[in-house]
């Protein structure tokens, strides 16, 4: 799985938890892009739709606490989530680069 596919998986999950109007927009956008011959995957279109409509939605929620933001916006409220991702990144770094150092 490539890096872009890993990122897309997160977007794929977010599009699944988005409101029906966002999912409808994604279906229509993907179909239209394919109809005109654009070489785009369904996951790439989901990413693009989320990028646009999350911005609009966030603007309407600015005065509310982040804890009230819907999951589909992809906003991480707590530092623990960032720490978990940092630990995973460091583990991957060790696996990739640490193994390479031992092989030399």
PDB file of N, CA and C in Angstrom:
ATOM      1  N   UNK A   1       0.848  -1.178   0.000  1.00  0.00           N
ATOM      2  CA  UNK A   1       0.000   0.000   0.000  1.00  0.00           C
ATOM      3  C   UNK A   1       0.889   1.234   0.000  1.00  0.00           C
ATOM      4  N   UNK A   2       0.667   2.150  -0.930  1.00  0.00           N
ATOM      5  CA  UNK A   2       1.492   3.352  -1.017  1.00  0.00           C
ATOM      6  C   UNK A   2       1.068   4.365   0.036  1.00  0.00           C
ATOM      7  N   UNK A   3       1.897   5.376   0.232  1.00  0.00           N
ATOM      8  CA  UNK A   3       1.593   6.428   1.196  1.00  0.00           C
ATOM      9  C   UNK A   3       0.287   7.133   0.870  1.00  0.00           C
ATOM     10  N   UNK A   4       0.054   7.385  -0.422  1.00  0.00           N
ATOM     11  CA  UNK A   4      -1.188   8.047  -0.816  1.00  0.00           C
ATOM     12  C   UNK A   4      -2.398   7.186  -0.501  1.00  0.00           C
ATOM     13  N   UNK A   5      -2.271   5.875  -0.658  1.00  0.00           N
ATOM     14  CA  UNK A   5      -3.386   4.991  -0.345  1.00  0.00           C
ATOM     15  C   UNK A   5      -3.662   4.973   1.147  1.00  0.00           C
ATOM     16  N   UNK A   6      -2.606   5.049   1.969  1.00  0.00           N
ATOM     17  CA  UNK A   6      -2.822   5.096   3.421  1.00  0.00           C
ATOM     18  C   UNK A   6      -3.584   6.350   3.800  1.00  0.00           C
ATOM     19  N   UNK A   7      -3.180   7.479   3.253  1.00  0.00           N
ATOM     20  CA  UNK A   7      -3.879   8.728   3.519  1.00  0.00           C
ATOM     21  C   UNK A   7      -5.313   8.627   3.028  1.00  0.00           C
ATOM     22  N   UNK A   8      -5.495   8.050   1.851  1.00  0.00           N
ATOM     23  CA  UNK A   8      -6.823   7.923   1.274  1.00  0.00           C
ATOM     24  C   UNK A   8      -7.731   7.068   2.136  1.00  0.00           C
ATOM     25  N   UNK A   9      -7.164   6.057   2.813  1.00  0.00           N
ATOM     26  CA  UNK A   9      -7.990   5.212   3.669  1.00  0.00           C
ATOM     27  C   UNK A   9      -8.654   6.053   4.747  1.00  0.00           C
ATOM     28  N   UNK A  10      -7.916   6.996   5.327  1.00  0.00           N
ATOM     29  CA  UNK A  10      -8.482   7.889   6.322  1.00  0.00           C
ATOM     30  C   UNK A  10      -9.612   8.713   5.699  1.00  0.00           C
ATOM     31  N   UNK A  11      -9.380   9.222   4.495  1.00  0.00           N
ATOM     32  CA  UNK A  11     -10.416   9.981   3.812  1.00  0.00           C
ATOM     33  C   UNK A  11     -11.613   9.109   3.480  1.00  0.00           C
ATOM     34  N   UNK A  12     -11.355   7.877   3.124  1.00  0.00           N
ATOM     35  CA  UNK A  12     -12.436   6.938   2.795  1.00  0.00           C
ATOM     36  C   UNK A  12     -13.320   6.715   4.019  1.00  0.00           C
ATOM     37  N   UNK A  13     -12.695   6.575   5.179  1.00  0.00           N
ATOM     38  CA  UNK A  13     -13.440   6.400   6.427  1.00  0.00           C
ATOM     39  C   UNK A  13     -14.238   7.673   6.733  1.00  0.00           C
ATOM     40  N   UNK A  14     -13.615   8.818   6.523  1.00  0.00           N
ATOM     41  CA  UNK A  14     -14.296  10.090   6.798  1.00  0.00           C
ATOM     42  C   UNK A  14     -15.486  10.298   5.878  1.00  0.00           C
ATOM     43  N   UNK A  15     -15.343   9.961   4.607  1.00  0.00           N
ATOM     44  CA  UNK A  15     -16.473  10.152   3.683  1.00  0.00           C
ATOM     45  C   UNK A  15     -17.634   9.257   4.105  1.00  0.00           C
ATOM     46  N   UNK A  16     -17.325   8.082   4.643  1.00  0.00           N
ATOM     47  CA  UNK A  16     -18.371   7.170   5.112  1.00  0.00           C
ATOM     48  C   UNK A  16     -19.131   7.690   6.319  1.00  0.00           C
ATOM     49  N   UNK A  17     -18.492   8.548   7.123  1.00  0.00           N
ATOM     50  CA  UNK A  17     -19.157   9.091   8.305  1.00  0.00           C
ATOM     51  C   UNK A  17     -19.684  10.509   8.063  1.00  0.00           C
ATOM     52  N   UNK A  18     -19.555  10.996   6.838  1.00  0.00           N
ATOM     53  CA  UNK A  18     -20.008  12.356   6.523  1.00  0.00           C
ATOM     54  C   UNK A  18     -21.522  12.379   6.331  1.00  0.00           C
ATOM     55  N   UNK A  19     -22.107  13.580   6.376  1.00  0.00           N
ATOM     56  CA  UNK A  19     -23.554  13.691   6.133  1.00  0.00           C
ATOM     57  C   UNK A  19     -23.919  13.220   4.722  1.00  0.00           C
ATOM     58  N   UNK A  20     -25.158  12.871   4.553  1.00  0.00           N
ATOM     59  CA  UNK A  20     -25.630  12.360   3.260  1.00  0.00           C
ATOM     60  C   UNK A  20     -25.361  13.351   2.128  1.00  0.00           C
ATOM     61  N   UNK A  21     -25.493  14.646   2.387  1.00  0.00           N
ATOM     62  CA  UNK A  21     -25.275  15.633   1.321  1.00  0.00           C
ATOM     63  C   UNK A  21     -23.832  15.624   0.835  1.00  0.00           C
ATOM     64  N   UNK A  22     -22.875  15.345   1.709  1.00  0.00           N
ATOM     65  CA  UNK A  22     -21.469  15.271   1.301  1.00  0.00           C
ATOM     66  C   UNK A  22     -21.245  13.991   0.494  1.00  0.00           C
ATOM     67  N   UNK A  23     -21.830  12.895   0.936  1.00  0.00           N
ATOM     68  CA  UNK A  23     -21.704  11.632   0.205  1.00  0.00           C
ATOM     69  C   UNK A  23     -22.337  11.736  -1.184  1.00  0.00           C
ATOM     70  N   UNK A  24     -23.476  12.422  -1.266  1.00  0.00           N
ATOM     71  CA  UNK A  24     -24.127  12.631  -2.562  1.00  0.00           C
ATOM     72  C   UNK A  24     -23.232  13.461  -3.469  1.00  0.00           C
ATOM     73  N   UNK A  25     -22.650  14.504  -2.918  1.00  0.00           N
ATOM     74  CA  UNK A  25     -21.742  15.348  -3.702  1.00  0.00           C
ATOM     75  C   UNK A  25     -20.562  14.529  -4.220  1.00  0.00           C
ATOM     76  N   UNK A  26     -20.043  13.642  -3.380  1.00  0.00           N
ATOM     77  CA  UNK A  26     -18.934  12.776  -3.793  1.00  0.00           C
ATOM     78  C   UNK A  26     -19.356  11.866  -4.948  1.00  0.00           C
ATOM     79  N   UNK A  27     -20.514  11.233  -4.833  1.00  0.00           N
ATOM     80  CA  UNK A  27     -20.987  10.342  -5.906  1.00  0.00           C
ATOM     81  C   UNK A  27     -21.152  11.114  -7.217  1.00  0.00           C
ATOM     82  N   UNK A  28     -21.740  12.303  -7.131  1.00  0.00           N
ATOM     83  CA  UNK A  28     -21.959  13.105  -8.333  1.00  0.00           C
ATOM     84  C   UNK A  28     -20.638  13.602  -8.916  1.00  0.00           C
ATOM     85  N   UNK A  29     -19.743  14.031  -8.057  1.00  0.00           N
ATOM     86  CA  UNK A  29     -18.446  14.539  -8.502  1.00  0.00           C
ATOM     87  C   UNK A  29     -17.637  13.439  -9.173  1.00  0.00           C
ATOM     88  N   UNK A  30     -17.590  12.280  -8.551  1.00  0.00           N
ATOM     89  CA  UNK A  30     -16.819  11.162  -9.110  1.00  0.00           C
ATOM     90  C   UNK A  30     -17.369  10.763 -10.479  1.00  0.00           C
ATOM     91  N   UNK A  31     -18.691  10.644 -10.562  1.00  0.00           N
ATOM     92  CA  UNK A  31     -19.306  10.260 -11.836  1.00  0.00           C
ATOM     93  C   UNK A  31     -19.014  11.304 -12.920  1.00  0.00           C
ATOM     94  N   UNK A  32     -19.111  12.576 -12.585  1.00  0.00           N
ATOM     95  CA  UNK A  32     -18.873  13.639 -13.564  1.00  0.00           C
ATOM     96  C   UNK A  32     -17.405  13.651 -14.017  1.00  0.00           C
ATOM     97  N   UNK A  33     -16.499  13.478 -13.098  1.00  0.00           N
ATOM     98  CA  UNK A  33     -15.077  13.484 -13.445  1.00  0.00           C
ATOM     99  C   UNK A  33     -14.736  12.309 -14.352  1.00  0.00           C
ATOM    100  N   UNK A  34     -15.309  11.156 -14.075  1.00  0.00           N
ATOM    101  CA  UNK A  34     -15.068   9.981 -14.920  1.00  0.00           C
ATOM    102  C   UNK A  34     -15.715  10.161 -16.291  1.00  0.00           C
ATOM    103  N   UNK A  35     -16.890  10.776 -16.320  1.00  0.00           N
ATOM    104  CA  UNK A  35     -17.606  10.985 -17.570  1.00  0.00           C
ATOM    105  C   UNK A  35     -16.801  11.839 -18.553  1.00  0.00           C
ATOM    106  N   UNK A  36     -16.081  12.817 -18.033  1.00  0.00           N
ATOM    107  CA  UNK A  36     -15.294  13.668 -18.930  1.00  0.00           C
ATOM    108  C   UNK A  36     -13.911  13.094 -19.201  1.00  0.00           C
ATOM    109  N   UNK A  37     -13.660  11.899 -18.654  1.00  0.00           N
ATOM    110  CA  UNK A  37     -12.412  11.212 -18.963  1.00  0.00           C
ATOM    111  C   UNK A  37     -11.264  11.481 -18.004  1.00  0.00           C
ATOM    112  N   UNK A  38     -11.544  12.144 -16.890  1.00  0.00           N
ATOM    113  CA  UNK A  38     -10.479  12.390 -15.920  1.00  0.00           C
ATOM    114  C   UNK A  38     -10.075  11.069 -15.269  1.00  0.00           C
ATOM    115  N   UNK A  39      -8.789  10.852 -15.181  1.00  0.00           N
ATOM    116  CA  UNK A  39      -8.280   9.629 -14.551  1.00  0.00           C
ATOM    117  C   UNK A  39      -8.161   9.874 -13.055  1.00  0.00           C
ATOM    118  N   UNK A  40      -9.229   9.596 -12.346  1.00  0.00           N
ATOM    119  CA  UNK A  40      -9.296   9.827 -10.910  1.00  0.00           C
ATOM    120  C   UNK A  40      -9.910   8.593 -10.263  1.00  0.00           C
ATOM    121  N   UNK A  41      -9.385   8.227  -9.103  1.00  0.00           N
ATOM    122  CA  UNK A  41      -9.978   7.106  -8.374  1.00  0.00           C
ATOM    123  C   UNK A  41     -11.093   7.632  -7.480  1.00  0.00           C
ATOM    124  N   UNK A  42     -11.909   6.719  -7.038  1.00  0.00           N
ATOM    125  CA  UNK A  42     -13.000   7.101  -6.142  1.00  0.00           C
ATOM    126  C   UNK A  42     -12.449   7.685  -4.842  1.00  0.00           C
ATOM    127  N   UNK A  43     -11.359   7.125  -4.363  1.00  0.00           N
ATOM    128  CA  UNK A  43     -10.744   7.636  -3.126  1.00  0.00           C
ATOM    129  C   UNK A  43     -10.138   9.028  -3.335  1.00  0.00           C
ATOM    130  N   UNK A  44      -9.555   9.274  -4.503  1.00  0.00           N
ATOM    131  CA  UNK A  44      -9.011  10.614  -4.775  1.00  0.00           C
ATOM    132  C   UNK A  44     -10.134  11.643  -4.806  1.00  0.00           C
ATOM    133  N   UNK A  45     -11.249  11.277  -5.400  1.00  0.00           N
ATOM    134  CA  UNK A  45     -12.378  12.193  -5.430  1.00  0.00           C
ATOM    135  C   UNK A  45     -12.913  12.433  -4.027  1.00  0.00           C
ATOM    136  N   UNK A  46     -12.957  11.384  -3.214  1.00  0.00           N
ATOM    137  CA  UNK A  46     -13.412  11.545  -1.824  1.00  0.00           C
ATOM    138  C   UNK A  46     -12.530  12.553  -1.104  1.00  0.00           C
ATOM    139  N   UNK A  47     -11.223  12.458  -1.298  1.00  0.00           N
ATOM    140  CA  UNK A  47     -10.288  13.394  -0.673  1.00  0.00           C
ATOM    141  C   UNK A  47     -10.584  14.822  -1.118  1.00  0.00           C
ATOM    142  N   UNK A  48     -10.798  15.009  -2.401  1.00  0.00           N
ATOM    143  CA  UNK A  48     -11.061  16.348  -2.928  1.00  0.00           C
ATOM    144  C   UNK A  48     -12.372  16.918  -2.383  1.00  0.00           C
ATOM    145  N   UNK A  49     -13.408  16.095  -2.359  1.00  0.00           N
ATOM    146  CA  UNK A  49     -14.711  16.546  -1.850  1.00  0.00           C
ATOM    147  C   UNK A  49     -14.598  16.895  -0.370  1.00  0.00           C
ATOM    148  N   UNK A  50     -13.906  16.066   0.395  1.00  0.00           N
ATOM    149  CA  UNK A  50     -13.732  16.360   1.822  1.00  0.00           C
ATOM    150  C   UNK A  50     -12.975  17.662   2.031  1.00  0.00           C
ATOM    151  N   UNK A  51     -11.947  17.869   1.246  1.00  0.00           N
ATOM    152  CA  UNK A  51     -11.145  19.091   1.390  1.00  0.00           C
ATOM    153  C   UNK A  51     -12.020  20.332   1.213  1.00  0.00           C
ATOM    154  N   UNK A  52     -12.851  20.328   0.193  1.00  0.00           N
ATOM    155  CA  UNK A  52     -13.687  21.496  -0.093  1.00  0.00           C
ATOM    156  C   UNK A  52     -14.785  21.667   0.949  1.00  0.00           C
ATOM    157  N   UNK A  53     -15.544  20.613   1.194  1.00  0.00           N
ATOM    158  CA  UNK A  53     -16.717  20.763   2.045  1.00  0.00           C
ATOM    159  C   UNK A  53     -16.384  20.801   3.530  1.00  0.00           C
ATOM    160  N   UNK A  54     -15.256  20.252   3.931  1.00  0.00           N
ATOM    161  CA  UNK A  54     -14.844  20.392   5.332  1.00  0.00           C
ATOM    162  C   UNK A  54     -14.532  21.856   5.626  1.00  0.00           C
ATOM    163  N   UNK A  55     -13.918  22.552   4.678  1.00  0.00           N
ATOM    164  CA  UNK A  55     -13.640  23.981   4.875  1.00  0.00           C
ATOM    165  C   UNK A  55     -14.928  24.762   5.103  1.00  0.00           C
ATOM    166  N   UNK A  56     -15.934  24.508   4.285  1.00  0.00           N
ATOM    167  CA  UNK A  56     -17.212  25.208   4.456  1.00  0.00           C
ATOM    168  C   UNK A  56     -17.830  24.893   5.818  1.00  0.00           C
ATOM    169  N   UNK A  57     -17.800  23.636   6.182  1.00  0.00           N
ATOM    170  CA  UNK A  57     -18.409  23.220   7.443  1.00  0.00           C
ATOM    171  C   UNK A  57     -17.661  23.816   8.634  1.00  0.00           C
ATOM    172  N   UNK A  58     -16.351  23.823   8.585  1.00  0.00           N
ATOM    173  CA  UNK A  58     -15.558  24.368   9.692  1.00  0.00           C
ATOM    174  C   UNK A  58     -15.868  25.846   9.892  1.00  0.00           C
ATOM    175  N   UNK A  59     -16.067  26.572   8.820  1.00  0.00           N
ATOM    176  CA  UNK A  59     -16.412  27.998   8.934  1.00  0.00           C
ATOM    177  C   UNK A  59     -17.688  28.201   9.739  1.00  0.00           C
ATOM    178  N   UNK A  60     -18.639  27.299   9.588  1.00  0.00           N
ATOM    179  CA  UNK A  60     -19.903  27.446  10.320  1.00  0.00           C
ATOM    180  C   UNK A  60     -19.780  26.999  11.778  1.00  0.00           C
ATOM    181  N   UNK A  61     -18.690  26.325  12.121  1.00  0.00           N
ATOM    182  CA  UNK A  61     -18.513  25.806  13.486  1.00  0.00           C
ATOM    183  C   UNK A  61     -17.439  26.552  14.278  1.00  0.00           C
ATOM    184  N   UNK A  62     -16.887  27.599  13.727  1.00  0.00           N
ATOM    185  CA  UNK A  62     -15.733  28.283  14.329  1.00  0.00           C
ATOM    186  C   UNK A  62     -15.886  28.620  15.803  1.00  0.00           C
ATOM    187  N   UNK A  63     -17.063  29.018  16.215  1.00  0.00           N
ATOM    188  CA  UNK A  63     -17.261  29.468  17.598  1.00  0.00           C
ATOM    189  C   UNK A  63     -17.596  28.336  18.555  1.00  0.00           C
ATOM    190  N   UNK A  64     -17.538  27.119  18.092  1.00  0.00           N
ATOM    191  CA  UNK A  64     -17.847  25.968  18.944  1.00  0.00           C
ATOM    192  C   UNK A  64     -16.565  25.260  19.337  1.00  0.00           C
ATOM    193  N   UNK A  65     -16.570  24.548  20.457  1.00  0.00           N
ATOM    194  CA  UNK A  65     -15.364  23.803  20.860  1.00  0.00           C
ATOM    195  C   UNK A  65     -15.090  22.656  19.876  1.00  0.00           C
ATOM    196  N   UNK A  66     -13.825  22.343  19.716  1.00  0.00           N
ATOM    197  CA  UNK A  66     -13.431  21.292  18.772  1.00  0.00           C
ATOM    198  C   UNK A  66     -14.076  19.954  19.103  1.00  0.00           C
ATOM    199  N   UNK A  67     -14.384  19.731  20.361  1.00  0.00           N
ATOM    200  CA  UNK A  67     -15.000  18.456  20.751  1.00  0.00           C
ATOM    201  C   UNK A  67     -16.381  18.268  20.120  1.00  0.00           C
ATOM    202  N   UNK A  68     -17.005  19.355  19.670  1.00  0.00           N
ATOM    203  CA  UNK A  68     -18.332  19.243  19.067  1.00  0.00           C
ATOM    204  C   UNK A  68     -18.266  19.095  17.550  1.00  0.00           C
ATOM    205  N   UNK A  69     -17.072  19.127  16.973  1.00  0.00           N
ATOM    206  CA  UNK A  69     -16.927  18.989  15.532  1.00  0.00           C
ATOM    207  C   UNK A  69     -17.206  17.539  15.126  1.00  0.00           C
ATOM    208  N   UNK A  70     -17.931  17.337  14.043  1.00  0.00           N
ATOM    209  CA  UNK A  70     -18.202  15.968  13.588  1.00  0.00           C
ATOM    210  C   UNK A  70     -16.922  15.252  13.145  1.00  0.00           C
ATOM    211  N   UNK A  71     -16.911  13.945  13.295  1.00  0.00           N
ATOM    212  CA  UNK A  71     -15.730  13.126  12.973  1.00  0.00           C
ATOM    213  C   UNK A  71     -15.291  13.295  11.517  1.00  0.00           C
ATOM    214  N   UNK A  72     -16.241  13.453  10.611  1.00  0.00           N
ATOM    215  CA  UNK A  72     -15.892  13.502   9.187  1.00  0.00           C
ATOM    216  C   UNK A  72     -15.005  14.686   8.830  1.00  0.00           C
ATOM    217  N   UNK A  73     -14.938  15.696   9.699  1.00  0.00           N
ATOM    218  CA  UNK A  73     -14.065  16.835   9.429  1.00  0.00           C
ATOM    219  C   UNK A  73     -12.591  16.480   9.624  1.00  0.00           C
ATOM    220  N   UNK A  74     -12.333  15.419  10.349  1.00  0.00           N
ATOM    221  CA  UNK A  74     -10.956  14.958  10.523  1.00  0.00           C
ATOM    222  C   UNK A  74     -10.137  15.812  11.476  1.00  0.00           C
ATOM    223  N   UNK A  75     -10.785  16.497  12.394  1.00  0.00           N
ATOM    224  CA  UNK A  75     -10.080  17.356  13.344  1.00  0.00           C
ATOM    225  C   UNK A  75      -9.784  16.554  14.606  1.00  0.00           C
ATOM    226  N   UNK A  76      -8.524  16.530  14.965  1.00  0.00           N
ATOM    227  CA  UNK A  76      -8.113  15.816  16.171  1.00  0.00           C
ATOM    228  C   UNK A  76      -8.082  16.824  17.311  1.00  0.00           C
ATOM    229  N   UNK A  77      -8.885  16.567  18.331  1.00  0.00           N
ATOM    230  CA  UNK A  77      -8.982  17.510  19.438  1.00  0.00           C
ATOM    231  C   UNK A  77      -7.894  17.300  20.479  1.00  0.00           C
ATOM    232  N   UNK A  78      -7.598  16.074  20.795  1.00  0.00           N
ATOM    233  CA  UNK A  78      -6.736  15.789  21.927  1.00  0.00           C
ATOM    234  C   UNK A  78      -5.301  15.505  21.501  1.00  0.00           C
ATOM    235  N   UNK A  79      -4.385  15.967  22.298  1.00  0.00           N
ATOM    236  CA  UNK A  79      -2.973  15.738  22.048  1.00  0.00           C
ATOM    237  C   UNK A  79      -2.598  14.264  22.064  1.00  0.00           C
ATOM    238  N   UNK A  80      -3.374  13.444  22.755  1.00  0.00           N
ATOM    239  CA  UNK A  80      -3.053  12.013  22.843  1.00  0.00           C
ATOM    240  C   UNK A  80      -3.082  11.363  21.462  1.00  0.00           C
ATOM    241  N   UNK A  81      -3.993  11.784  20.629  1.00  0.00           N
ATOM    242  CA  UNK A  81      -4.051  11.242  19.268  1.00  0.00           C
ATOM    243  C   UNK A  81      -2.772  11.593  18.518  1.00  0.00           C
ATOM    244  N   UNK A  82      -2.287  12.818  18.676  1.00  0.00           N
ATOM    245  CA  UNK A  82      -1.035  13.220  18.019  1.00  0.00           C
ATOM    246  C   UNK A  82       0.140  12.429  18.576  1.00  0.00           C
ATOM    247  N   UNK A  83       0.150  12.221  19.899  1.00  0.00           N
ATOM    248  CA  UNK A  83       1.243  11.435  20.503  1.00  0.00           C
ATOM    249  C   UNK A  83       1.236   9.999  19.991  1.00  0.00           C
ATOM    250  N   UNK A  84       0.054   9.411  19.832  1.00  0.00           N
ATOM    251  CA  UNK A  84      -0.053   8.055  19.297  1.00  0.00           C
ATOM    252  C   UNK A  84       0.504   7.996  17.874  1.00  0.00           C
ATOM    253  N   UNK A  85       0.166   8.978  17.077  1.00  0.00           N
ATOM    254  CA  UNK A  85       0.662   9.002  15.701  1.00  0.00           C
ATOM    255  C   UNK A  85       2.170   9.224  15.657  1.00  0.00           C
ATOM    256  N   UNK A  86       2.685  10.035  16.568  1.00  0.00           N
ATOM    257  CA  UNK A  86       4.126  10.262  16.623  1.00  0.00           C
ATOM    258  C   UNK A  86       4.856   8.975  17.018  1.00  0.00           C
ATOM    259  N   UNK A  87       4.304   8.230  17.982  1.00  0.00           N
ATOM    260  CA  UNK A  87       4.912   6.950  18.364  1.00  0.00           C
ATOM    261  C   UNK A  87       4.927   5.987  17.184  1.00  0.00           C
ATOM    262  N   UNK A  88       3.844   5.939  16.437  1.00  0.00           N
ATOM    263  CA  UNK A  88       3.774   5.072  15.263  1.00  0.00           C
ATOM    264  C   UNK A  88       4.805   5.496  14.222  1.00  0.00           C
ATOM    265  N   UNK A  89       4.925   6.787  14.008  1.00  0.00           N
ATOM    266  CA  UNK A  89       5.906   7.292  13.054  1.00  0.00           C
ATOM    267  C   UNK A  89       7.326   6.927  13.483  1.00  0.00           C
ATOM    268  N   UNK A  90       7.621   7.074  14.756  1.00  0.00           N
ATOM    269  CA  UNK A  90       8.958   6.718  15.250  1.00  0.00           C
ATOM    270  C   UNK A  90       9.214   5.221  15.118  1.00  0.00           C
ATOM    271  N   UNK A  91       8.190   4.417  15.358  1.00  0.00           N
ATOM    272  CA  UNK A  91       8.326   2.971  15.200  1.00  0.00           C
ATOM    273  C   UNK A  91       8.618   2.625  13.738  1.00  0.00           C
ATOM    274  N   UNK A  92       7.899   3.238  12.829  1.00  0.00           N
ATOM    275  CA  UNK A  92       8.144   3.001  11.411  1.00  0.00           C
ATOM    276  C   UNK A  92       9.534   3.470  11.003  1.00  0.00           C
ATOM    277  N   UNK A  93       9.954   4.602  11.550  1.00  0.00           N
ATOM    278  CA  UNK A  93      11.289   5.114  11.258  1.00  0.00           C
ATOM    279  C   UNK A  93      12.351   4.110  11.706  1.00  0.00           C
ATOM    280  N   UNK A  94      12.165   3.550  12.864  1.00  0.00           N
ATOM    281  CA  UNK A  94      13.119   2.562  13.381  1.00  0.00           C
ATOM    282  C   UNK A  94      13.129   1.316  12.505  1.00  0.00           C
ATOM    283  N   UNK A  95      11.956   0.861  12.105  1.00  0.00           N
ATOM    284  CA  UNK A  95      11.863  -0.314  11.258  1.00  0.00           C
ATOM    285  C   UNK A  95      12.544  -0.080   9.905  1.00  0.00           C
ATOM    286  N   UNK A  96      12.325   1.083   9.334  1.00  0.00           N
ATOM    287  CA  UNK A  96      12.857   1.365   8.002  1.00  0.00           C
ATOM    288  C   UNK A  96      14.331   1.727   8.058  1.00  0.00           C
ATOM    289  N   UNK A  97      14.678   2.695   8.882  1.00  0.00           N
ATOM    290  CA  UNK A  97      16.048   3.193   8.885  1.00  0.00           C
ATOM    291  C   UNK A  97      16.941   2.443   9.861  1.00  0.00           C
ATOM    292  N   UNK A  98      16.373   1.960  10.958  1.00  0.00           N
ATOM    293  CA  UNK A  98      17.158   1.214  11.926  1.00  0.00           C
ATOM    294  C   UNK A  98      17.673  -0.095  11.348  1.00  0.00           C
ATOM    295  N   UNK A  99      16.836  -0.776  10.600  1.00  0.00           N
ATOM    296  CA  UNK A  99      17.225  -2.040   9.969  1.00  0.00           C
ATOM    297  C   UNK A  99      18.302  -1.791   8.923  1.00  0.00           C
ATOM    298  N   UNK A 100      18.213  -0.676   8.214  1.00  0.00           N
ATOM    299  CA  UNK A 100      19.201  -0.336   7.194  1.00  0.00           C
ATOM    300  C   UNK A 100      20.568  -0.084   7.798  1.00  0.00           C
ATOM    301  N   UNK A 101      20.617   0.520   8.959  1.00  0.00           N
ATOM    302  CA  UNK A 101      21.894   0.803   9.621  1.00  0.00           C
ATOM    303  C   UNK A 101      22.565  -0.509  10.054  1.00  0.00           C
ATOM    304  N   UNK A 102      21.798  -1.465  10.526  1.00  0.00           N
ATOM    305  CA  UNK A 102      22.363  -2.735  10.973  1.00  0.00           C
ATOM    306  C   UNK A 102      22.899  -3.552   9.796  1.00  0.00           C
ATOM    307  N   UNK A 103      22.302  -3.376   8.636  1.00  0.00           N
ATOM    308  CA  UNK A 103      22.717  -4.163   7.473  1.00  0.00           C
ATOM    309  C   UNK A 103      24.041  -3.689   6.893  1.00  0.00           C
ATOM    310  N   UNK A 104      24.471  -2.496   7.237  1.00  0.00           N
ATOM    311  CA  UNK A 104      25.708  -1.944   6.666  1.00  0.00           C
ATOM    312  C   UNK A 104      26.926  -2.520   7.289  1.00  0.00           C
TER     313      UNK A 104
END
